[in-house]
Amino acid sequence: MTVAGLPCAWWLVPEAGRHERLSRWIGALAALHGGPVFEPHLTLALSTLPEGADVPAVRSEERFSRN
């Protein structure tokens, strides 16, 4: 499967304790104002995957960074 050109976003995500607290805040604000619920994150960059990108390797790095 070719992945070159697929949309890609690079995020920073909070550690587990802060993730839970931010998720509650986001959910409460979304309910109060009719907005969307989303994962707490900071978007660093939006791009597309380059030719030859190894998507499973990127996913394993993501799991590693959340531990």
C-alpha atoms as a PDB file:
ATOM      1  CA  MET A   1       0.000   0.000   0.000  1.00  0.00           C
ATOM      2  CA  THR A   2       1.311   3.432  -0.916  1.00  0.00           C
ATOM      3  CA  VAL A   3       1.071   5.971   1.886  1.00  0.00           C
ATOM      4  CA  ALA A   4       2.874   8.857   0.201  1.00  0.00           C
ATOM      5  CA  GLY A   5       0.668  11.923   0.132  1.00  0.00           C
ATOM      6  CA  LEU A   6      -1.713  10.784   2.900  1.00  0.00           C
ATOM      7  CA  PRO A   7      -2.553  13.541   5.407  1.00  0.00           C
ATOM      8  CA  CYS A   8      -0.463  13.484   8.566  1.00  0.00           C
ATOM      9  CA  ALA A   9      -0.554  15.486  11.817  1.00  0.00           C
ATOM     10  CA  TRP A  10       2.185  15.588  14.454  1.00  0.00           C
ATOM     11  CA  TRP A  11       0.816  16.017  17.981  1.00  0.00           C
ATOM     12  CA  LEU A  12       2.142  16.402  21.485  1.00  0.00           C
ATOM     13  CA  VAL A  13      -0.147  14.706  23.993  1.00  0.00           C
ATOM     14  CA  PRO A  14      -0.196  15.197  27.770  1.00  0.00           C
ATOM     15  CA  GLU A  15       0.848  12.510  30.224  1.00  0.00           C
ATOM     16  CA  ALA A  16      -1.895  10.269  31.647  1.00  0.00           C
ATOM     17  CA  GLY A  17      -2.906  12.324  34.715  1.00  0.00           C
ATOM     18  CA  ARG A  18      -3.166  15.587  32.814  1.00  0.00           C
ATOM     19  CA  HIS A  19      -4.799  13.802  29.868  1.00  0.00           C
ATOM     20  CA  GLU A  20      -7.691  12.672  32.092  1.00  0.00           C
ATOM     21  CA  ARG A  21      -8.155  16.139  33.614  1.00  0.00           C
ATOM     22  CA  LEU A  22      -8.022  17.893  30.227  1.00  0.00           C
ATOM     23  CA  SER A  23     -10.446  15.345  28.739  1.00  0.00           C
ATOM     24  CA  ARG A  24     -12.970  16.171  31.469  1.00  0.00           C
ATOM     25  CA  TRP A  25     -12.569  19.917  30.851  1.00  0.00           C
ATOM     26  CA  ILE A  26     -12.932  19.503  27.091  1.00  0.00           C
ATOM     27  CA  GLY A  27     -16.044  17.342  27.569  1.00  0.00           C
ATOM     28  CA  ALA A  28     -17.613  19.841  29.981  1.00  0.00           C
ATOM     29  CA  LEU A  29     -16.906  22.819  27.725  1.00  0.00           C
ATOM     30  CA  ALA A  30     -18.171  20.933  24.668  1.00  0.00           C
ATOM     31  CA  ALA A  31     -21.438  20.110  26.462  1.00  0.00           C
ATOM     32  CA  LEU A  32     -21.829  23.674  27.728  1.00  0.00           C
ATOM     33  CA  HIS A  33     -21.203  25.340  24.364  1.00  0.00           C
ATOM     34  CA  GLY A  34     -22.326  22.625  21.919  1.00  0.00           C
ATOM     35  CA  GLY A  35     -18.800  22.086  20.627  1.00  0.00           C
ATOM     36  CA  PRO A  36     -16.892  18.947  19.651  1.00  0.00           C
ATOM     37  CA  VAL A  37     -15.199  16.550  22.065  1.00  0.00           C
ATOM     38  CA  PHE A  38     -11.616  15.754  21.060  1.00  0.00           C
ATOM     39  CA  GLU A  39      -8.406  14.274  22.437  1.00  0.00           C
ATOM     40  CA  PRO A  40      -6.257  16.741  24.389  1.00  0.00           C
ATOM     41  CA  HIS A  41      -3.281  17.625  22.193  1.00  0.00           C
ATOM     42  CA  LEU A  42      -1.088  20.340  20.766  1.00  0.00           C
ATOM     43  CA  THR A  43      -0.779  20.201  16.980  1.00  0.00           C
ATOM     44  CA  LEU A  44       2.825  20.783  15.959  1.00  0.00           C
ATOM     45  CA  ALA A  45       2.514  20.389  12.201  1.00  0.00           C
ATOM     46  CA  LEU A  46       0.154  19.327   9.432  1.00  0.00           C
ATOM     47  CA  SER A  47       1.694  17.663   6.410  1.00  0.00           C
ATOM     48  CA  THR A  48       1.491  14.679   4.091  1.00  0.00           C
ATOM     49  CA  LEU A  49       3.458  11.460   4.426  1.00  0.00           C
ATOM     50  CA  PRO A  50       6.571  11.354   2.240  1.00  0.00           C
ATOM     51  CA  GLU A  51       7.421   8.658  -0.290  1.00  0.00           C
ATOM     52  CA  GLY A  52       8.662   5.541   1.508  1.00  0.00           C
ATOM     53  CA  ALA A  53       7.109   6.419   4.897  1.00  0.00           C
ATOM     54  CA  ASP A  54       6.905   3.427   7.239  1.00  0.00           C
ATOM     55  CA  VAL A  55       3.524   3.910   8.949  1.00  0.00           C
ATOM     56  CA  PRO A  56       3.875   0.954  11.393  1.00  0.00           C
ATOM     57  CA  ALA A  57       7.209   2.405  12.573  1.00  0.00           C
ATOM     58  CA  VAL A  58       5.619   5.805  13.174  1.00  0.00           C
ATOM     59  CA  ARG A  59       2.791   4.186  15.160  1.00  0.00           C
ATOM     60  CA  SER A  60       5.251   2.265  17.346  1.00  0.00           C
ATOM     61  CA  GLU A  61       7.126   5.509  18.087  1.00  0.00           C
ATOM     62  CA  GLU A  62       3.790   7.072  19.102  1.00  0.00           C
ATOM     63  CA  ARG A  63       3.072   4.260  21.553  1.00  0.00           C
ATOM     64  CA  PHE A  64       6.589   4.526  22.941  1.00  0.00           C
ATOM     65  CA  SER A  65       6.290   8.270  23.524  1.00  0.00           C
ATOM     66  CA  ARG A  66       3.073   7.900  25.535  1.00  0.00           C
ATOM     67  CA  ASN A  67       4.645   5.546  28.120  1.00  0.00           C
END
